[in-house]
Amino acid sequence: MIGRIQGILVSKQPPQLLVDVHGVGYEIEAPMSTFYQLPEVAQPVILHTHLVVREDAQQLYGFASEHERRLFRSLIRVNGVGAKLALAILSGMSADEFARCVHDDDSRTLVQLPGVGKKTAERLIMEMRDRLADWESDSPAPADGTVQRPPAAGSREADREAVSALIALGYKPPEASRMVQSVDSEGRNSEDIIRAALKAAVSR
C-alpha cells in the first residue's frame, strides 16, 4: 500500500495531478479540497494517499491531510459510494461541512452534490453518523506547508479548465457550463472558479 507521496508537483489539472518522486511520475486523483492547498507546479509537495486496486486498474488518490483521507476511506465503505463519488463529495464541501450535514441530518445540502440523490444522501447520513461521532474539526494544512496561489490564467482558458474539471467530478456538461458561467471568473484561475461554482451549487 502506498500511504504517502513526497516529490515535485509536475502538473495539475483537476481532478488529476502528477508528482515526480526521484524520476518516477505518480498519477494521482485528488478532491478539489486538496487542489486548493497545492503549491505551484515545480514545487515540493506531500500527499497522504490511498491506493485502490481493481482487476482492470490501479488508482492512487491523494489528500492534503490525514483528516481528508480518513473521511474518504469511510465514504467508500458506504454501500453504493465509490471512489469517484467520494471525491465529488470532498470536492463539493469540506470534511467539516460534510460532518455537519451528517450530524444535522441535512440531506437537502447533500443532494446538491453530483451523483447524490435523496436515497444516497439518507444512506450517507445513516451509515456515517456513528463513524463521525467523534469527529473533530481539523482544517487541512497546505500540501507543502505554505499557501501558494498559482497566477490567474486568461479567463477563457481558466473557464474551459474549470468546466472540464466539473465534468470529471460528475456534473453533466451543460450543467458544468452553467455553473461556470454563473460566477465571476475575471482575474481568477481555474481552481478559484471551481471553488466559487461548487460553493454556489451547494448553497442553492
N, C-alpha and C. Protein backbone atom coordinates (compact mmCIF):
# COMPACT_ATOMS: atom_id res chain seq x y z
N MET A 1 0.85 -1.20 0.00
CA MET A 1 0.00 0.00 0.00
C MET A 1 0.88 1.24 0.00
N ILE A 2 0.59 2.18 -0.88
CA ILE A 2 1.30 3.45 -0.93
C ILE A 2 0.53 4.42 -0.06
N GLY A 3 1.10 4.82 1.08
CA GLY A 3 0.38 5.65 2.03
C GLY A 3 0.77 7.12 2.03
N ARG A 4 1.90 7.43 1.36
CA ARG A 4 2.38 8.82 1.38
C ARG A 4 3.28 9.05 0.19
N ILE A 5 3.11 10.22 -0.43
CA ILE A 5 3.93 10.59 -1.59
C ILE A 5 4.60 11.94 -1.30
N GLN A 6 5.90 12.00 -1.52
CA GLN A 6 6.63 13.26 -1.38
C GLN A 6 7.51 13.44 -2.60
N GLY A 7 7.30 14.54 -3.32
CA GLY A 7 8.09 14.77 -4.52
C GLY A 7 7.85 16.15 -5.07
N ILE A 8 8.03 16.28 -6.38
CA ILE A 8 7.86 17.56 -7.07
C ILE A 8 6.57 17.51 -7.89
N LEU A 9 5.75 18.54 -7.71
CA LEU A 9 4.49 18.62 -8.46
C LEU A 9 4.81 18.98 -9.92
N VAL A 10 4.49 18.06 -10.82
CA VAL A 10 4.81 18.25 -12.24
C VAL A 10 3.67 18.94 -12.98
N SER A 11 2.45 18.51 -12.70
CA SER A 11 1.29 19.11 -13.36
C SER A 11 0.07 18.91 -12.49
N LYS A 12 -0.95 19.75 -12.73
CA LYS A 12 -2.21 19.61 -12.01
C LYS A 12 -3.35 20.11 -12.88
N GLN A 13 -4.24 19.21 -13.19
CA GLN A 13 -5.44 19.54 -13.93
C GLN A 13 -6.58 18.78 -13.26
N PRO A 14 -7.34 19.46 -12.40
CA PRO A 14 -8.37 18.77 -11.61
C PRO A 14 -9.21 17.80 -12.45
N PRO A 15 -9.44 16.60 -11.93
CA PRO A 15 -9.05 16.12 -10.60
C PRO A 15 -7.73 15.34 -10.58
N GLN A 16 -6.88 15.50 -11.61
CA GLN A 16 -5.66 14.72 -11.70
C GLN A 16 -4.43 15.58 -11.51
N LEU A 17 -3.40 14.96 -10.93
CA LEU A 17 -2.11 15.64 -10.78
C LEU A 17 -1.00 14.61 -10.95
N LEU A 18 0.18 15.11 -11.22
CA LEU A 18 1.34 14.24 -11.44
C LEU A 18 2.46 14.69 -10.52
N VAL A 19 3.02 13.73 -9.76
CA VAL A 19 4.09 14.04 -8.82
C VAL A 19 5.32 13.20 -9.19
N ASP A 20 6.46 13.86 -9.35
CA ASP A 20 7.71 13.18 -9.65
C ASP A 20 8.42 12.83 -8.35
N VAL A 21 8.67 11.54 -8.17
CA VAL A 21 9.40 11.06 -6.99
C VAL A 21 10.66 10.36 -7.46
N HIS A 22 11.78 11.06 -7.42
CA HIS A 22 13.07 10.51 -7.84
C HIS A 22 12.99 9.92 -9.25
N GLY A 23 12.36 10.65 -10.16
CA GLY A 23 12.31 10.21 -11.55
C GLY A 23 11.12 9.36 -11.92
N VAL A 24 10.32 8.97 -10.94
CA VAL A 24 9.11 8.18 -11.20
C VAL A 24 7.89 9.09 -11.06
N GLY A 25 7.07 9.16 -12.09
CA GLY A 25 5.89 10.02 -12.05
C GLY A 25 4.66 9.27 -11.57
N TYR A 26 4.07 9.75 -10.49
CA TYR A 26 2.86 9.13 -9.94
C TYR A 26 1.64 9.94 -10.36
N GLU A 27 0.72 9.29 -11.08
CA GLU A 27 -0.54 9.92 -11.45
C GLU A 27 -1.52 9.74 -10.29
N ILE A 28 -2.06 10.84 -9.81
CA ILE A 28 -2.90 10.82 -8.62
C ILE A 28 -4.18 11.61 -8.88
N GLU A 29 -5.29 11.11 -8.38
CA GLU A 29 -6.54 11.86 -8.41
C GLU A 29 -6.79 12.41 -7.01
N ALA A 30 -7.29 13.65 -6.97
CA ALA A 30 -7.49 14.30 -5.68
C ALA A 30 -8.76 15.15 -5.72
N PRO A 31 -9.39 15.34 -4.56
CA PRO A 31 -10.57 16.20 -4.50
C PRO A 31 -10.14 17.66 -4.60
N MET A 32 -11.10 18.53 -4.90
CA MET A 32 -10.78 19.95 -5.02
C MET A 32 -10.31 20.53 -3.70
N SER A 33 -10.77 19.97 -2.59
CA SER A 33 -10.32 20.45 -1.28
C SER A 33 -8.80 20.33 -1.15
N THR A 34 -8.22 19.33 -1.80
CA THR A 34 -6.77 19.18 -1.81
C THR A 34 -6.13 20.10 -2.84
N PHE A 35 -6.76 20.24 -4.01
CA PHE A 35 -6.20 21.12 -5.04
C PHE A 35 -6.05 22.55 -4.54
N TYR A 36 -6.99 23.00 -3.70
CA TYR A 36 -6.91 24.36 -3.18
C TYR A 36 -5.66 24.56 -2.33
N GLN A 37 -5.09 23.46 -1.84
CA GLN A 37 -3.94 23.55 -0.95
C GLN A 37 -2.61 23.27 -1.65
N LEU A 38 -2.65 22.93 -2.93
CA LEU A 38 -1.42 22.56 -3.64
C LEU A 38 -0.52 23.76 -3.89
N PRO A 39 0.80 23.53 -3.91
CA PRO A 39 1.74 24.59 -4.27
C PRO A 39 1.73 24.78 -5.79
N GLU A 40 2.54 25.68 -6.29
CA GLU A 40 2.66 25.86 -7.72
C GLU A 40 3.41 24.69 -8.32
N VAL A 41 3.22 24.48 -9.63
CA VAL A 41 3.94 23.44 -10.35
C VAL A 41 5.44 23.66 -10.19
N ALA A 42 6.19 22.56 -10.09
CA ALA A 42 7.65 22.55 -9.92
C ALA A 42 8.07 22.77 -8.48
N GLN A 43 7.10 22.82 -7.55
CA GLN A 43 7.40 22.97 -6.13
C GLN A 43 7.22 21.63 -5.40
N PRO A 44 7.87 21.45 -4.24
CA PRO A 44 7.72 20.22 -3.47
C PRO A 44 6.28 20.06 -2.96
N VAL A 45 5.85 18.82 -2.87
CA VAL A 45 4.50 18.55 -2.39
C VAL A 45 4.50 17.24 -1.60
N ILE A 46 3.67 17.18 -0.57
CA ILE A 46 3.50 15.96 0.22
C ILE A 46 2.01 15.64 0.25
N LEU A 47 1.65 14.39 -0.05
CA LEU A 47 0.25 13.98 -0.06
C LEU A 47 0.08 12.66 0.69
N HIS A 48 -1.01 12.58 1.45
CA HIS A 48 -1.43 11.31 2.03
C HIS A 48 -2.21 10.58 0.95
N THR A 49 -1.93 9.30 0.76
CA THR A 49 -2.51 8.61 -0.39
C THR A 49 -3.27 7.34 0.00
N HIS A 50 -4.15 6.95 -0.91
CA HIS A 50 -4.90 5.70 -0.76
C HIS A 50 -4.90 5.01 -2.12
N LEU A 51 -4.48 3.77 -2.15
CA LEU A 51 -4.39 3.00 -3.39
C LEU A 51 -5.59 2.07 -3.53
N VAL A 52 -6.28 2.19 -4.64
CA VAL A 52 -7.42 1.30 -4.94
C VAL A 52 -6.98 0.35 -6.05
N VAL A 53 -7.06 -0.93 -5.79
CA VAL A 53 -6.65 -1.96 -6.76
C VAL A 53 -7.89 -2.71 -7.24
N ARG A 54 -8.11 -2.67 -8.55
CA ARG A 54 -9.20 -3.43 -9.16
C ARG A 54 -8.62 -4.40 -10.17
N GLU A 55 -9.46 -5.25 -10.71
CA GLU A 55 -8.97 -6.22 -11.69
C GLU A 55 -8.43 -5.54 -12.94
N ASP A 56 -9.05 -4.41 -13.32
CA ASP A 56 -8.68 -3.76 -14.57
C ASP A 56 -7.84 -2.50 -14.40
N ALA A 57 -7.58 -2.10 -13.16
CA ALA A 57 -6.83 -0.86 -12.98
C ALA A 57 -6.37 -0.68 -11.54
N GLN A 58 -5.35 0.17 -11.38
CA GLN A 58 -4.90 0.61 -10.06
C GLN A 58 -4.94 2.13 -10.05
N GLN A 59 -5.58 2.71 -9.05
CA GLN A 59 -5.70 4.17 -8.99
C GLN A 59 -5.25 4.68 -7.64
N LEU A 60 -4.41 5.71 -7.68
CA LEU A 60 -3.89 6.32 -6.47
C LEU A 60 -4.62 7.64 -6.22
N TYR A 61 -5.12 7.81 -4.99
CA TYR A 61 -5.84 9.02 -4.61
C TYR A 61 -5.00 9.77 -3.57
N GLY A 62 -4.96 11.10 -3.70
CA GLY A 62 -4.13 11.89 -2.81
C GLY A 62 -4.92 12.94 -2.05
N PHE A 63 -4.45 13.25 -0.83
CA PHE A 63 -5.16 14.18 0.05
C PHE A 63 -4.17 15.07 0.79
N ALA A 64 -4.59 16.31 1.01
CA ALA A 64 -3.72 17.27 1.67
C ALA A 64 -3.52 16.95 3.14
N SER A 65 -4.47 16.23 3.74
CA SER A 65 -4.37 15.93 5.17
C SER A 65 -4.84 14.51 5.45
N GLU A 66 -4.38 13.98 6.58
CA GLU A 66 -4.83 12.66 7.03
C GLU A 66 -6.33 12.71 7.33
N HIS A 67 -6.81 13.87 7.76
CA HIS A 67 -8.23 14.08 8.06
C HIS A 67 -9.09 13.76 6.82
N GLU A 68 -8.68 14.32 5.68
CA GLU A 68 -9.41 14.09 4.43
C GLU A 68 -9.35 12.64 4.02
N ARG A 69 -8.16 12.04 4.12
CA ARG A 69 -8.04 10.65 3.71
C ARG A 69 -8.90 9.74 4.57
N ARG A 70 -8.97 10.03 5.86
CA ARG A 70 -9.79 9.20 6.75
C ARG A 70 -11.26 9.27 6.35
N LEU A 71 -11.73 10.48 6.00
CA LEU A 71 -13.12 10.60 5.58
C LEU A 71 -13.35 9.88 4.26
N PHE A 72 -12.41 9.99 3.32
CA PHE A 72 -12.52 9.30 2.04
C PHE A 72 -12.65 7.79 2.26
N ARG A 73 -11.81 7.25 3.13
CA ARG A 73 -11.85 5.81 3.39
C ARG A 73 -13.16 5.39 4.03
N SER A 74 -13.73 6.25 4.85
CA SER A 74 -15.03 5.95 5.45
C SER A 74 -16.14 6.01 4.41
N LEU A 75 -16.05 6.98 3.52
CA LEU A 75 -17.08 7.15 2.49
C LEU A 75 -17.15 5.96 1.54
N ILE A 76 -16.00 5.45 1.11
CA ILE A 76 -16.03 4.35 0.13
C ILE A 76 -16.48 3.03 0.76
N ARG A 77 -16.65 3.02 2.07
CA ARG A 77 -17.20 1.84 2.73
C ARG A 77 -18.73 1.88 2.77
N VAL A 78 -19.31 3.02 2.41
CA VAL A 78 -20.77 3.14 2.38
C VAL A 78 -21.30 2.45 1.14
N ASN A 79 -22.36 1.68 1.29
CA ASN A 79 -22.95 0.95 0.18
C ASN A 79 -23.35 1.91 -0.94
N GLY A 80 -22.84 1.66 -2.15
CA GLY A 80 -23.20 2.47 -3.30
C GLY A 80 -22.33 3.69 -3.51
N VAL A 81 -21.35 3.91 -2.64
CA VAL A 81 -20.45 5.06 -2.77
C VAL A 81 -19.06 4.57 -3.18
N GLY A 82 -18.68 4.90 -4.40
CA GLY A 82 -17.35 4.53 -4.88
C GLY A 82 -16.38 5.67 -4.72
N ALA A 83 -15.17 5.45 -5.22
CA ALA A 83 -14.12 6.47 -5.08
C ALA A 83 -14.49 7.76 -5.81
N LYS A 84 -15.10 7.64 -7.00
CA LYS A 84 -15.44 8.84 -7.78
C LYS A 84 -16.45 9.71 -7.03
N LEU A 85 -17.47 9.07 -6.45
CA LEU A 85 -18.47 9.84 -5.71
C LEU A 85 -17.87 10.43 -4.44
N ALA A 86 -16.98 9.67 -3.79
CA ALA A 86 -16.33 10.19 -2.59
C ALA A 86 -15.51 11.43 -2.92
N LEU A 87 -14.82 11.43 -4.07
CA LEU A 87 -14.06 12.61 -4.49
C LEU A 87 -15.00 13.79 -4.76
N ALA A 88 -16.15 13.49 -5.38
CA ALA A 88 -17.11 14.56 -5.67
C ALA A 88 -17.63 15.19 -4.37
N ILE A 89 -17.85 14.36 -3.37
CA ILE A 89 -18.34 14.87 -2.08
C ILE A 89 -17.28 15.77 -1.44
N LEU A 90 -16.02 15.32 -1.43
CA LEU A 90 -14.95 16.10 -0.83
C LEU A 90 -14.60 17.33 -1.66
N SER A 91 -15.00 17.32 -2.93
CA SER A 91 -14.77 18.49 -3.78
C SER A 91 -15.85 19.54 -3.56
N GLY A 92 -17.07 19.08 -3.27
CA GLY A 92 -18.19 19.99 -3.13
C GLY A 92 -18.30 20.64 -1.77
N MET A 93 -17.65 20.05 -0.76
CA MET A 93 -17.68 20.62 0.59
C MET A 93 -16.49 20.13 1.38
N SER A 94 -16.14 20.85 2.41
CA SER A 94 -15.02 20.43 3.24
C SER A 94 -15.42 19.24 4.11
N ALA A 95 -14.43 18.57 4.66
CA ALA A 95 -14.71 17.43 5.54
C ALA A 95 -15.56 17.86 6.73
N ASP A 96 -15.27 19.04 7.26
CA ASP A 96 -16.04 19.54 8.41
C ASP A 96 -17.48 19.85 8.01
N GLU A 97 -17.68 20.39 6.81
CA GLU A 97 -19.04 20.68 6.34
C GLU A 97 -19.83 19.39 6.14
N PHE A 98 -19.16 18.36 5.62
CA PHE A 98 -19.84 17.08 5.45
C PHE A 98 -20.24 16.50 6.81
N ALA A 99 -19.33 16.58 7.77
CA ALA A 99 -19.63 16.07 9.11
C ALA A 99 -20.82 16.81 9.71
N ARG A 100 -20.88 18.11 9.46
CA ARG A 100 -22.02 18.89 9.97
C ARG A 100 -23.33 18.41 9.34
N CYS A 101 -23.31 18.15 8.02
CA CYS A 101 -24.51 17.67 7.33
C CYS A 101 -24.99 16.35 7.93
N VAL A 102 -24.04 15.47 8.23
CA VAL A 102 -24.39 14.17 8.81
C VAL A 102 -24.98 14.35 10.21
N HIS A 103 -24.32 15.14 11.02
CA HIS A 103 -24.79 15.35 12.40
C HIS A 103 -26.14 16.05 12.46
N ASP A 104 -26.40 16.93 11.46
CA ASP A 104 -27.65 17.71 11.45
C ASP A 104 -28.73 17.08 10.59
N ASP A 105 -28.48 15.88 10.07
CA ASP A 105 -29.44 15.22 9.16
C ASP A 105 -29.80 16.12 7.99
N ASP A 106 -28.81 16.81 7.46
CA ASP A 106 -29.04 17.79 6.40
C ASP A 106 -28.89 17.14 5.02
N SER A 107 -29.90 16.39 4.62
CA SER A 107 -29.86 15.74 3.31
C SER A 107 -30.08 16.75 2.18
N ARG A 108 -30.74 17.87 2.47
CA ARG A 108 -31.01 18.88 1.44
C ARG A 108 -29.72 19.42 0.84
N THR A 109 -28.72 19.64 1.69
CA THR A 109 -27.44 20.13 1.18
C THR A 109 -26.69 19.04 0.44
N LEU A 110 -26.75 17.82 0.94
CA LEU A 110 -26.01 16.72 0.30
C LEU A 110 -26.51 16.43 -1.11
N VAL A 111 -27.81 16.55 -1.35
CA VAL A 111 -28.34 16.22 -2.68
C VAL A 111 -27.93 17.25 -3.73
N GLN A 112 -27.31 18.37 -3.33
CA GLN A 112 -26.81 19.33 -4.29
C GLN A 112 -25.51 18.86 -4.93
N LEU A 113 -24.89 17.83 -4.37
CA LEU A 113 -23.65 17.31 -4.90
C LEU A 113 -23.93 16.37 -6.07
N PRO A 114 -23.06 16.33 -7.09
CA PRO A 114 -23.29 15.46 -8.25
C PRO A 114 -23.28 13.99 -7.85
N GLY A 115 -24.28 13.25 -8.32
CA GLY A 115 -24.34 11.82 -8.03
C GLY A 115 -24.99 11.48 -6.72
N VAL A 116 -25.37 12.47 -5.93
CA VAL A 116 -26.00 12.21 -4.63
C VAL A 116 -27.49 12.52 -4.72
N GLY A 117 -28.30 11.47 -4.81
CA GLY A 117 -29.75 11.63 -4.80
C GLY A 117 -30.27 11.54 -3.38
N LYS A 118 -31.58 11.59 -3.25
CA LYS A 118 -32.18 11.58 -1.91
C LYS A 118 -31.84 10.30 -1.14
N LYS A 119 -31.95 9.16 -1.81
CA LYS A 119 -31.68 7.90 -1.13
C LYS A 119 -30.22 7.79 -0.72
N THR A 120 -29.32 8.23 -1.60
CA THR A 120 -27.89 8.18 -1.28
C THR A 120 -27.58 9.11 -0.11
N ALA A 121 -28.19 10.29 -0.11
CA ALA A 121 -27.98 11.24 0.98
C ALA A 121 -28.44 10.64 2.31
N GLU A 122 -29.59 10.01 2.30
CA GLU A 122 -30.11 9.40 3.52
C GLU A 122 -29.21 8.25 3.98
N ARG A 123 -28.68 7.48 3.01
CA ARG A 123 -27.79 6.37 3.36
C ARG A 123 -26.48 6.90 3.95
N LEU A 124 -25.97 7.98 3.36
CA LEU A 124 -24.74 8.58 3.88
C LEU A 124 -24.92 9.04 5.32
N ILE A 125 -26.04 9.69 5.59
CA ILE A 125 -26.30 10.18 6.95
C ILE A 125 -26.43 9.01 7.92
N MET A 126 -27.15 7.97 7.52
CA MET A 126 -27.37 6.84 8.41
C MET A 126 -26.08 6.07 8.70
N GLU A 127 -25.30 5.79 7.64
CA GLU A 127 -24.12 4.95 7.82
C GLU A 127 -22.90 5.73 8.35
N MET A 128 -22.87 7.04 8.11
CA MET A 128 -21.71 7.82 8.54
C MET A 128 -21.87 8.41 9.94
N ARG A 129 -23.09 8.41 10.46
CA ARG A 129 -23.32 9.06 11.75
C ARG A 129 -22.42 8.49 12.85
N ASP A 130 -22.38 7.17 12.98
CA ASP A 130 -21.55 6.56 14.02
C ASP A 130 -20.07 6.75 13.75
N ARG A 131 -19.69 6.69 12.47
CA ARG A 131 -18.27 6.82 12.12
C ARG A 131 -17.75 8.23 12.39
N LEU A 132 -18.64 9.20 12.37
CA LEU A 132 -18.24 10.59 12.60
C LEU A 132 -18.62 11.08 14.00
N ALA A 133 -19.01 10.16 14.85
CA ALA A 133 -19.45 10.56 16.19
C ALA A 133 -18.37 11.31 16.96
N ASP A 134 -17.11 10.94 16.73
CA ASP A 134 -16.01 11.59 17.46
C ASP A 134 -15.22 12.54 16.56
N TRP A 135 -15.88 13.01 15.48
CA TRP A 135 -15.19 13.87 14.52
C TRP A 135 -14.80 15.20 15.16
N GLU A 136 -13.56 15.59 14.96
CA GLU A 136 -13.07 16.87 15.45
C GLU A 136 -12.58 17.69 14.27
N SER A 137 -12.94 18.97 14.26
CA SER A 137 -12.54 19.85 13.16
C SER A 137 -11.02 19.90 13.06
N ASP A 138 -10.56 19.80 11.83
CA ASP A 138 -9.12 19.86 11.59
C ASP A 138 -8.91 20.36 10.17
N SER A 139 -8.92 21.68 10.00
CA SER A 139 -8.76 22.25 8.67
C SER A 139 -7.45 21.80 8.08
N PRO A 140 -7.47 21.30 6.82
CA PRO A 140 -6.25 20.76 6.22
C PRO A 140 -5.18 21.81 6.03
N ALA A 141 -3.96 21.43 6.34
CA ALA A 141 -2.83 22.32 6.09
C ALA A 141 -2.47 22.25 4.62
N PRO A 142 -1.85 23.27 4.06
CA PRO A 142 -1.42 23.21 2.68
C PRO A 142 -0.53 22.00 2.45
N ALA A 143 -0.57 21.45 1.24
CA ALA A 143 0.15 20.21 0.95
C ALA A 143 1.65 20.33 1.13
N ASP A 144 2.20 21.55 1.08
CA ASP A 144 3.64 21.70 1.30
C ASP A 144 3.94 22.56 2.51
N GLY A 145 2.89 22.89 3.29
CA GLY A 145 3.09 23.67 4.49
C GLY A 145 2.92 25.16 4.30
N THR A 146 2.73 25.62 3.06
CA THR A 146 2.53 27.04 2.81
C THR A 146 1.36 27.23 1.85
N VAL A 147 0.76 28.39 1.89
CA VAL A 147 -0.34 28.69 0.97
C VAL A 147 0.23 29.41 -0.24
N GLN A 148 0.05 28.82 -1.40
CA GLN A 148 0.53 29.45 -2.61
C GLN A 148 -0.58 29.40 -3.64
N ARG A 149 -0.85 30.49 -4.30
CA ARG A 149 -1.87 30.55 -5.32
C ARG A 149 -1.21 30.69 -6.67
N PRO A 150 -1.57 29.86 -7.65
CA PRO A 150 -1.00 30.00 -8.98
C PRO A 150 -1.48 31.27 -9.63
N PRO A 151 -0.72 31.81 -10.57
CA PRO A 151 -1.14 33.03 -11.23
C PRO A 151 -2.42 32.81 -12.01
N ALA A 152 -3.24 33.84 -12.10
CA ALA A 152 -4.50 33.74 -12.83
C ALA A 152 -4.25 33.55 -14.32
N ALA A 153 -4.97 32.62 -14.91
CA ALA A 153 -4.85 32.39 -16.34
C ALA A 153 -5.86 33.27 -17.05
N GLY A 154 -5.76 33.32 -18.39
CA GLY A 154 -6.76 34.05 -19.14
C GLY A 154 -8.13 33.47 -18.85
N SER A 155 -9.13 34.31 -18.75
CA SER A 155 -10.44 33.88 -18.29
C SER A 155 -11.02 32.75 -19.13
N ARG A 156 -10.84 32.81 -20.45
CA ARG A 156 -11.42 31.76 -21.29
C ARG A 156 -10.75 30.42 -21.04
N GLU A 157 -9.42 30.42 -20.95
CA GLU A 157 -8.71 29.17 -20.68
C GLU A 157 -9.08 28.63 -19.31
N ALA A 158 -9.12 29.52 -18.32
CA ALA A 158 -9.47 29.10 -16.96
C ALA A 158 -10.90 28.56 -16.92
N ASP A 159 -11.81 29.20 -17.66
CA ASP A 159 -13.20 28.73 -17.71
C ASP A 159 -13.27 27.32 -18.29
N ARG A 160 -12.54 27.10 -19.38
CA ARG A 160 -12.56 25.77 -20.02
C ARG A 160 -12.01 24.71 -19.07
N GLU A 161 -10.93 25.04 -18.37
CA GLU A 161 -10.35 24.08 -17.43
C GLU A 161 -11.33 23.79 -16.30
N ALA A 162 -12.03 24.83 -15.84
CA ALA A 162 -13.00 24.65 -14.76
C ALA A 162 -14.15 23.76 -15.20
N VAL A 163 -14.66 23.99 -16.41
CA VAL A 163 -15.75 23.16 -16.93
C VAL A 163 -15.31 21.70 -17.04
N SER A 164 -14.11 21.48 -17.57
CA SER A 164 -13.59 20.11 -17.71
C SER A 164 -13.47 19.42 -16.36
N ALA A 165 -13.01 20.16 -15.37
CA ALA A 165 -12.85 19.59 -14.03
C ALA A 165 -14.21 19.23 -13.43
N LEU A 166 -15.19 20.08 -13.59
CA LEU A 166 -16.53 19.81 -13.05
C LEU A 166 -17.15 18.59 -13.72
N ILE A 167 -16.92 18.44 -15.02
CA ILE A 167 -17.42 17.25 -15.72
C ILE A 167 -16.75 16.00 -15.16
N ALA A 168 -15.43 16.08 -14.93
CA ALA A 168 -14.70 14.94 -14.37
C ALA A 168 -15.19 14.59 -12.97
N LEU A 169 -15.72 15.59 -12.26
CA LEU A 169 -16.23 15.36 -10.91
C LEU A 169 -17.66 14.82 -10.90
N GLY A 170 -18.27 14.71 -12.09
CA GLY A 170 -19.58 14.08 -12.15
C GLY A 170 -20.73 14.95 -12.65
N TYR A 171 -20.46 16.24 -12.89
CA TYR A 171 -21.51 17.11 -13.41
C TYR A 171 -21.67 16.90 -14.91
N LYS A 172 -22.89 17.00 -15.42
CA LYS A 172 -23.13 16.90 -16.84
C LYS A 172 -22.60 18.15 -17.54
N PRO A 173 -22.12 18.02 -18.79
CA PRO A 173 -21.51 19.16 -19.49
C PRO A 173 -22.34 20.43 -19.49
N PRO A 174 -23.66 20.37 -19.82
CA PRO A 174 -24.44 21.63 -19.80
C PRO A 174 -24.50 22.25 -18.41
N GLU A 175 -24.61 21.39 -17.37
CA GLU A 175 -24.68 21.89 -16.00
C GLU A 175 -23.35 22.51 -15.60
N ALA A 176 -22.25 21.85 -15.98
CA ALA A 176 -20.92 22.38 -15.66
C ALA A 176 -20.71 23.74 -16.31
N SER A 177 -21.15 23.88 -17.55
CA SER A 177 -21.02 25.18 -18.24
C SER A 177 -21.84 26.25 -17.55
N ARG A 178 -23.07 25.91 -17.15
CA ARG A 178 -23.92 26.89 -16.47
C ARG A 178 -23.31 27.31 -15.14
N MET A 179 -22.73 26.35 -14.42
CA MET A 179 -22.12 26.66 -13.12
C MET A 179 -20.98 27.66 -13.28
N VAL A 180 -20.15 27.44 -14.29
CA VAL A 180 -19.00 28.33 -14.51
C VAL A 180 -19.47 29.71 -14.98
N GLN A 181 -20.47 29.71 -15.85
CA GLN A 181 -20.98 30.99 -16.36
C GLN A 181 -21.67 31.81 -15.28
N SER A 182 -22.13 31.14 -14.23
CA SER A 182 -22.88 31.85 -13.19
C SER A 182 -21.98 32.59 -12.20
N VAL A 183 -20.66 32.37 -12.28
CA VAL A 183 -19.75 33.04 -11.35
C VAL A 183 -18.87 34.03 -12.10
N ASP A 184 -18.35 34.99 -11.40
CA ASP A 184 -17.46 35.99 -11.98
C ASP A 184 -16.06 35.38 -12.07
N SER A 185 -15.61 35.11 -13.29
CA SER A 185 -14.32 34.45 -13.48
C SER A 185 -13.19 35.42 -13.83
N GLU A 186 -13.49 36.69 -13.93
CA GLU A 186 -12.48 37.67 -14.30
C GLU A 186 -11.32 37.69 -13.29
N GLY A 187 -10.10 37.45 -13.80
CA GLY A 187 -8.92 37.50 -12.95
C GLY A 187 -8.72 36.28 -12.07
N ARG A 188 -9.56 35.27 -12.23
CA ARG A 188 -9.46 34.07 -11.39
C ARG A 188 -8.81 32.93 -12.16
N ASN A 189 -8.07 32.08 -11.45
CA ASN A 189 -7.58 30.86 -12.08
C ASN A 189 -8.67 29.79 -12.01
N SER A 190 -8.43 28.66 -12.66
CA SER A 190 -9.47 27.63 -12.76
C SER A 190 -9.89 27.09 -11.39
N GLU A 191 -8.93 26.95 -10.47
CA GLU A 191 -9.27 26.40 -9.16
C GLU A 191 -10.19 27.33 -8.38
N ASP A 192 -9.95 28.63 -8.49
CA ASP A 192 -10.82 29.59 -7.81
C ASP A 192 -12.22 29.61 -8.43
N ILE A 193 -12.28 29.44 -9.76
CA ILE A 193 -13.58 29.39 -10.44
C ILE A 193 -14.36 28.16 -9.99
N ILE A 194 -13.66 27.03 -9.90
CA ILE A 194 -14.31 25.79 -9.47
C ILE A 194 -14.82 25.93 -8.04
N ARG A 195 -14.00 26.52 -7.18
CA ARG A 195 -14.40 26.71 -5.79
C ARG A 195 -15.68 27.55 -5.71
N ALA A 196 -15.72 28.65 -6.47
CA ALA A 196 -16.90 29.52 -6.45
C ALA A 196 -18.12 28.81 -7.02
N ALA A 197 -17.93 28.06 -8.09
CA ALA A 197 -19.05 27.36 -8.73
C ALA A 197 -19.62 26.27 -7.82
N LEU A 198 -18.74 25.53 -7.17
CA LEU A 198 -19.19 24.47 -6.25
C LEU A 198 -19.89 25.06 -5.03
N LYS A 199 -19.35 26.15 -4.51
CA LYS A 199 -19.97 26.80 -3.35
C LYS A 199 -21.36 27.28 -3.70
N ALA A 200 -21.51 27.87 -4.89
CA ALA A 200 -22.83 28.37 -5.32
C ALA A 200 -23.80 27.23 -5.52
N ALA A 201 -23.31 26.10 -6.06
CA ALA A 201 -24.19 24.95 -6.32
C ALA A 201 -24.71 24.35 -5.03
N VAL A 202 -23.84 24.22 -4.03
CA VAL A 202 -24.25 23.60 -2.77
C VAL A 202 -25.18 24.52 -1.96
N SER A 203 -25.00 25.82 -2.12
CA SER A 203 -25.80 26.76 -1.33
C SER A 203 -27.15 27.08 -1.95
N ARG A 204 -27.41 26.55 -3.14
CA ARG A 204 -28.69 26.82 -3.79
C ARG A 204 -29.85 26.24 -3.01
